[in-house]
C-alpha atoms as a PDB file:
ATOM      1  CA  UNK A   1      58.925  28.530  60.496  1.00  0.00           C
ATOM      2  CA  UNK A   2      56.294  27.182  62.092  1.00  0.00           C
ATOM      3  CA  UNK A   3      55.196  27.624  66.186  1.00  0.00           C
ATOM      4  CA  UNK A   4      53.502  25.660  68.340  1.00  0.00           C
ATOM      5  CA  UNK A   5      51.814  26.271  71.600  1.00  0.00           C
ATOM      6  CA  UNK A   6      52.397  23.588  74.421  1.00  0.00           C
ATOM      7  CA  UNK A   7      50.502  23.802  77.844  1.00  0.00           C
ATOM      8  CA  UNK A   8      52.766  22.628  80.468  1.00  0.00           C
ATOM      9  CA  UNK A   9      51.656  20.280  83.246  1.00  0.00           C
ATOM     10  CA  UNK A  10      52.154  23.480  85.663  1.00  0.00           C
ATOM     11  CA  UNK A  11      50.250  25.638  83.205  1.00  0.00           C
ATOM     12  CA  UNK A  12      47.398  23.209  82.991  1.00  0.00           C
ATOM     13  CA  UNK A  13      47.301  23.079  86.423  1.00  0.00           C
ATOM     14  CA  UNK A  14      47.182  26.764  86.798  1.00  0.00           C
ATOM     15  CA  UNK A  15      43.993  27.091  84.330  1.00  0.00           C
ATOM     16  CA  UNK A  16      42.143  24.512  85.926  1.00  0.00           C
ATOM     17  CA  UNK A  17      42.933  26.364  89.545  1.00  0.00           C
ATOM     18  CA  UNK A  18      41.729  29.706  87.879  1.00  0.00           C
ATOM     19  CA  UNK A  19      38.503  28.078  86.603  1.00  0.00           C
ATOM     20  CA  UNK A  20      37.753  26.118  90.314  1.00  0.00           C
ATOM     21  CA  UNK A  21      38.256  29.549  91.615  1.00  0.00           C
ATOM     22  CA  UNK A  22      35.967  31.455  89.612  1.00  0.00           C
ATOM     23  CA  UNK A  23      33.471  28.784  89.466  1.00  0.00           C
ATOM     24  CA  UNK A  24      33.223  28.852  93.267  1.00  0.00           C
ATOM     25  CA  UNK A  25      30.988  32.238  92.163  1.00  0.00           C
ATOM     26  CA  UNK A  26      30.112  31.465  88.876  1.00  0.00           C
ATOM     27  CA  UNK A  27      30.594  28.465  86.576  1.00  0.00           C
ATOM     28  CA  UNK A  28      29.400  30.378  83.233  1.00  0.00           C
ATOM     29  CA  UNK A  29      32.070  32.776  83.961  1.00  0.00           C
ATOM     30  CA  UNK A  30      35.084  29.953  84.971  1.00  0.00           C
ATOM     31  CA  UNK A  31      34.152  28.585  81.616  1.00  0.00           C
ATOM     32  CA  UNK A  32      33.805  31.797  79.549  1.00  0.00           C
ATOM     33  CA  UNK A  33      37.868  32.504  81.221  1.00  0.00           C
ATOM     34  CA  UNK A  34      39.051  29.297  80.249  1.00  0.00           C
ATOM     35  CA  UNK A  35      37.799  29.737  76.761  1.00  0.00           C
ATOM     36  CA  UNK A  36      39.206  32.852  76.487  1.00  0.00           C
ATOM     37  CA  UNK A  37      42.432  31.566  77.612  1.00  0.00           C
ATOM     38  CA  UNK A  38      42.472  28.723  75.257  1.00  0.00           C
ATOM     39  CA  UNK A  39      41.339  30.867  72.356  1.00  0.00           C
ATOM     40  CA  UNK A  40      44.111  33.162  72.776  1.00  0.00           C
ATOM     41  CA  UNK A  41      46.620  30.761  73.408  1.00  0.00           C
ATOM     42  CA  UNK A  42      45.629  29.114  70.124  1.00  0.00           C
ATOM     43  CA  UNK A  43      46.340  32.461  68.075  1.00  0.00           C
ATOM     44  CA  UNK A  44      49.788  32.844  69.526  1.00  0.00           C
ATOM     45  CA  UNK A  45      51.225  30.464  66.716  1.00  0.00           C
ATOM     46  CA  UNK A  46      50.035  33.195  64.182  1.00  0.00           C
ATOM     47  CA  UNK A  47      51.665  36.188  65.628  1.00  0.00           C
ATOM     48  CA  UNK A  48      54.896  34.319  67.686  1.00  0.00           C
ATOM     49  CA  UNK A  49      56.775  37.616  67.963  1.00  0.00           C
ATOM     50  CA  UNK A  50      54.021  39.631  69.274  1.00  0.00           C
ATOM     51  CA  UNK A  51      54.189  40.616  73.036  1.00  0.00           C
ATOM     52  CA  UNK A  52      56.873  41.825  75.596  1.00  0.00           C
ATOM     53  CA  UNK A  53      60.470  40.615  75.657  1.00  0.00           C
ATOM     54  CA  UNK A  54      61.830  38.856  78.364  1.00  0.00           C
ATOM     55  CA  UNK A  55      64.737  40.789  79.377  1.00  0.00           C
ATOM     56  CA  UNK A  56      66.075  38.481  82.391  1.00  0.00           C
ATOM     57  CA  UNK A  57      66.690  35.853  79.516  1.00  0.00           C
ATOM     58  CA  UNK A  58      68.559  38.516  76.972  1.00  0.00           C
ATOM     59  CA  UNK A  59      66.852  36.547  73.611  1.00  0.00           C
ATOM     60  CA  UNK A  60      64.699  38.185  71.540  1.00  0.00           C
ATOM     61  CA  UNK A  61      63.005  35.271  70.300  1.00  0.00           C
ATOM     62  CA  UNK A  62      62.085  34.476  73.807  1.00  0.00           C
END
């Protein structure tokens, strides 16, 4: 089964907000953090079951 990661508009806004907040002190670190977030999110399809289970949803696949 192939998995894909799609960032929601809210997630994209959150990343932009994080970048803006960090960029007030350092543009370099803002770019580094956003880059790291995107790199890690692209790795998720390779290991889709890694991470914690969300107990509120009661589904192991989520």
